Amino acid sequence: MDRKDRIVVLVGVVILVVSLIGVMYHEKEYAGAEQSVEKYIYNVEWDEKTVTLQDEGHVAKGETSNYTYSIDHDGLTCVKFELEWSDDLAHGFIIPWNWSDTLDMKVSAPGNVKFSGSSSATGSTSPLIVEATIGSAPSSMQVNASNETEVYKILNSYISKDGKGSWDVDIGIQTKPFFFDRGNDFTLHISYTYYEPVITKVKVS
């Protein structure tokens, strides 16, 4: 082998060694990157919130006042209607009497809702209360997911849709047997409680 051939072989060996070193370096770098991948889980708690509304109205003798309330929240646990009034002619001034108006309230709910007792209430003493118990918040949990969007998709199956929609309320009155008792003013309080997830990202490695 002459000098020129030896130089060619030497150059080839150098190129081969450099290539091997480069491959080994990149493999080591890739392995290191794999080892440094951070893994997470998501802790889920449930926060309960209550919304309150108030409506003023009047129910006239021989008539029924109708109201519709839209509840657009998922995860409802309870909905409560409370009817308050003050009888404007509870006692006589010239001719004594102690009669009171009798009011009644009937509530119609969206499907799959059960009331805590009756869906209606009647009485001559304020307030009248109708309440629906719909469910309860899920237990705390941990979710394995690649991101928070995926967590919400998983949690969607745990959140009840019952009670979401239109609630109808009918209010009637039976007045005292006097011509001048034409009805009564009232205040209707509506409250509902719902739950929503509180998500915390936790590093596990």
Protein backbone atom coordinates (compact mmCIF):
# COMPACT_ATOMS: atom_id res chain seq x y z
CA MET A 1 0.00 0.00 0.00
CA ASP A 2 1.58 3.23 -1.07
CA ARG A 3 1.48 6.51 0.79
CA LYS A 4 -1.57 7.86 -1.08
CA ASP A 5 -3.63 4.77 -0.26
CA ARG A 6 -2.69 5.00 3.40
CA ILE A 7 -3.87 8.62 3.50
CA VAL A 8 -7.23 7.65 1.95
CA VAL A 9 -7.71 4.84 4.48
CA LEU A 10 -6.76 7.14 7.35
CA VAL A 11 -9.25 9.79 6.22
CA GLY A 12 -11.96 7.12 5.97
CA VAL A 13 -11.24 5.92 9.50
CA VAL A 14 -11.38 9.48 10.84
CA ILE A 15 -14.73 10.08 9.12
CA LEU A 16 -16.11 6.82 10.53
CA VAL A 17 -14.97 7.65 14.07
CA VAL A 18 -16.47 11.15 13.88
CA SER A 19 -19.76 9.71 12.61
CA LEU A 20 -19.91 7.17 15.44
CA ILE A 21 -19.22 9.86 18.01
CA GLY A 22 -22.04 11.99 16.54
CA VAL A 23 -24.53 9.11 16.62
CA MET A 24 -23.64 8.25 20.22
CA TYR A 25 -23.98 11.91 21.26
CA HIS A 26 -27.44 12.27 19.71
CA GLU A 27 -28.63 8.99 21.23
CA LYS A 28 -27.46 10.15 24.64
CA GLU A 29 -29.15 13.53 24.15
CA TYR A 30 -32.44 11.84 23.10
CA ALA A 31 -32.31 9.46 26.07
CA GLY A 32 -31.73 12.41 28.38
CA ALA A 33 -34.70 14.23 26.88
CA GLU A 34 -36.89 11.17 27.45
CA GLN A 35 -35.81 10.99 31.06
CA SER A 36 -36.59 14.68 31.64
CA VAL A 37 -40.24 14.49 30.44
CA GLU A 38 -42.41 15.77 33.30
CA LYS A 39 -45.57 13.90 34.19
CA TYR A 40 -48.68 15.39 35.81
CA ILE A 41 -51.99 14.35 37.30
CA TYR A 42 -55.00 16.56 38.01
CA ASN A 43 -56.64 16.81 41.42
CA VAL A 44 -60.34 17.66 41.24
CA GLU A 45 -62.37 19.22 44.04
CA TRP A 46 -65.96 20.47 43.74
CA ASP A 47 -67.02 23.98 44.68
CA GLU A 48 -70.68 24.67 45.50
CA LYS A 49 -72.22 28.04 44.69
CA THR A 50 -75.67 29.48 45.40
CA VAL A 51 -77.58 31.94 43.22
CA THR A 52 -80.50 33.93 44.67
CA LEU A 53 -83.21 35.80 42.77
CA GLN A 54 -86.19 37.86 43.90
CA ASP A 55 -89.41 38.76 42.11
CA GLU A 56 -92.25 41.05 43.16
CA GLY A 57 -95.80 40.43 41.99
CA HIS A 58 -99.53 40.67 42.61
CA VAL A 59 -102.14 37.94 42.47
CA ALA A 60 -105.71 39.10 41.90
CA LYS A 61 -108.90 37.52 43.18
CA GLY A 62 -110.05 34.72 40.88
CA GLU A 63 -106.82 34.76 38.86
CA THR A 64 -103.48 32.95 38.77
CA SER A 65 -100.11 34.65 38.30
CA ASN A 66 -97.69 32.65 36.14
CA TYR A 67 -93.91 32.96 36.10
CA THR A 68 -91.14 31.12 34.27
CA TYR A 69 -87.52 31.04 35.42
CA SER A 70 -84.69 29.64 33.31
CA ILE A 71 -81.83 27.91 35.13
CA ASP A 72 -78.89 27.33 32.80
CA HIS A 73 -76.40 25.71 35.21
CA ASP A 74 -75.32 22.08 35.15
CA GLY A 75 -74.59 20.32 38.43
CA LEU A 76 -77.68 21.49 40.32
CA THR A 77 -78.11 20.11 43.83
CA CYS A 78 -81.27 21.92 44.96
CA VAL A 79 -83.77 24.58 43.86
CA LYS A 80 -85.98 26.44 46.33
CA PHE A 81 -89.01 28.70 45.88
CA GLU A 82 -90.22 30.76 48.85
CA LEU A 83 -93.42 32.82 48.62
CA GLU A 84 -93.80 35.67 51.12
CA TRP A 85 -96.67 38.11 51.56
CA SER A 86 -98.31 40.38 54.10
CA ASP A 87 -102.10 40.23 54.17
CA ASP A 88 -103.32 43.75 53.46
CA LEU A 89 -106.74 43.17 55.08
CA ALA A 90 -106.00 40.68 57.83
CA HIS A 91 -108.09 42.41 60.52
CA GLY A 92 -111.26 44.48 60.48
CA PHE A 93 -111.37 48.04 61.74
CA ILE A 94 -115.09 48.75 62.08
CA ILE A 95 -116.36 45.17 62.06
CA PRO A 96 -113.77 42.88 63.67
CA TRP A 97 -112.61 39.78 61.80
CA ASN A 98 -109.55 37.63 61.78
CA TRP A 99 -109.66 36.08 58.34
CA SER A 100 -106.64 35.76 56.10
CA ASP A 101 -106.07 35.27 52.41
CA THR A 102 -105.05 31.76 51.41
CA LEU A 103 -102.33 31.58 48.79
CA ASP A 104 -101.13 28.57 46.84
CA MET A 105 -97.97 27.97 44.83
CA LYS A 106 -97.41 25.20 42.29
CA VAL A 107 -94.00 24.53 40.73
CA SER A 108 -93.34 22.57 37.53
CA ALA A 109 -89.76 21.42 36.95
CA PRO A 110 -87.81 20.01 34.00
CA GLY A 111 -87.63 16.21 33.74
CA ASN A 112 -85.89 13.91 36.25
CA VAL A 113 -86.44 16.29 39.17
CA LYS A 114 -87.83 15.07 42.49
CA PHE A 115 -89.31 17.47 45.03
CA SER A 116 -88.54 17.37 48.74
CA GLY A 117 -92.15 16.64 49.58
CA SER A 118 -94.81 18.18 47.37
CA SER A 119 -94.41 20.32 44.26
CA SER A 120 -97.11 22.65 45.64
CA ALA A 121 -97.90 24.45 48.88
CA THR A 122 -101.03 26.14 50.23
CA GLY A 123 -101.56 28.23 53.34
CA SER A 124 -102.72 31.43 54.96
CA THR A 125 -99.43 32.00 56.79
CA SER A 126 -96.34 33.34 55.04
CA PRO A 127 -94.02 31.92 53.77
CA LEU A 128 -94.89 28.98 51.53
CA ILE A 129 -91.91 26.86 50.47
CA VAL A 130 -91.45 24.37 47.65
CA GLU A 131 -88.03 22.76 47.33
CA ALA A 132 -86.50 20.25 44.93
CA THR A 133 -83.50 18.14 45.90
CA ILE A 134 -81.73 17.15 42.70
CA GLY A 135 -78.41 15.57 43.67
CA SER A 136 -75.07 16.08 45.35
CA ALA A 137 -71.56 16.96 44.27
CA PRO A 138 -69.25 14.06 43.30
CA SER A 139 -66.39 13.03 45.57
CA SER A 140 -62.91 14.48 45.15
CA MET A 141 -60.85 12.60 42.58
CA GLN A 142 -57.60 12.40 40.64
CA VAL A 143 -57.62 12.34 36.84
CA ASN A 144 -54.85 11.17 34.53
CA ALA A 145 -55.01 13.24 31.36
CA SER A 146 -52.68 14.88 28.88
CA ASN A 147 -54.13 18.37 29.40
CA GLU A 148 -56.88 20.29 31.17
CA THR A 149 -59.22 20.18 28.17
CA GLU A 150 -59.18 16.41 28.36
CA VAL A 151 -59.86 16.61 32.10
CA TYR A 152 -63.05 18.61 31.48
CA LYS A 153 -64.19 16.05 28.92
CA ILE A 154 -63.73 13.27 31.48
CA LEU A 155 -65.50 15.24 34.23
CA ASN A 156 -68.48 15.97 32.01
CA SER A 157 -69.87 12.49 32.70
CA TYR A 158 -69.83 13.20 36.46
CA ILE A 159 -71.86 16.43 36.24
CA SER A 160 -75.64 16.08 36.36
CA LYS A 161 -77.80 17.87 33.79
CA ASP A 162 -81.01 17.33 35.81
CA GLY A 163 -83.00 20.47 36.58
CA LYS A 164 -81.45 22.54 33.82
CA GLY A 165 -84.12 24.39 31.87
CA SER A 166 -87.40 26.20 32.54
CA TRP A 167 -89.15 26.16 35.92
CA ASP A 168 -92.79 27.32 35.92
CA VAL A 169 -94.47 28.79 39.00
CA ASP A 170 -98.23 29.35 39.35
CA ILE A 171 -99.49 31.49 42.24
CA GLY A 172 -103.18 31.67 43.15
CA ILE A 173 -105.23 33.19 45.95
CA GLN A 174 -108.45 32.62 47.84
CA THR A 175 -109.39 36.00 49.27
CA LYS A 176 -111.58 36.88 52.20
CA PRO A 177 -115.32 36.92 51.39
CA PHE A 178 -115.45 40.68 50.89
CA PHE A 179 -115.96 42.61 47.69
CA PHE A 180 -113.15 45.05 48.46
CA ASP A 181 -110.52 42.31 48.96
CA ARG A 182 -109.21 42.13 45.40
CA GLY A 183 -105.98 40.19 45.97
CA ASN A 184 -102.55 40.54 47.49
CA ASP A 185 -98.98 41.59 46.71
CA PHE A 186 -96.22 39.04 47.23
CA THR A 187 -92.47 38.49 47.01
CA LEU A 188 -91.08 35.31 45.47
CA HIS A 189 -87.54 34.26 46.43
CA ILE A 190 -85.77 31.77 44.18
CA SER A 191 -82.47 30.16 45.09
CA TYR A 192 -80.51 27.31 43.57
CA THR A 193 -77.21 25.63 44.39
CA TYR A 194 -74.87 24.02 41.89
CA TYR A 195 -71.37 22.56 41.88
CA GLU A 196 -68.45 23.04 39.50
CA PRO A 197 -64.97 21.49 39.36
CA VAL A 198 -61.84 23.11 40.75
CA ILE A 199 -58.85 21.55 38.97
CA THR A 200 -55.27 21.59 40.28
CA LYS A 201 -52.35 20.37 38.17
CA VAL A 202 -49.85 18.34 40.21
CA LYS A 203 -46.38 17.25 39.08
CA VAL A 204 -45.66 13.59 39.81
CA SER A 205 -42.19 13.21 38.24
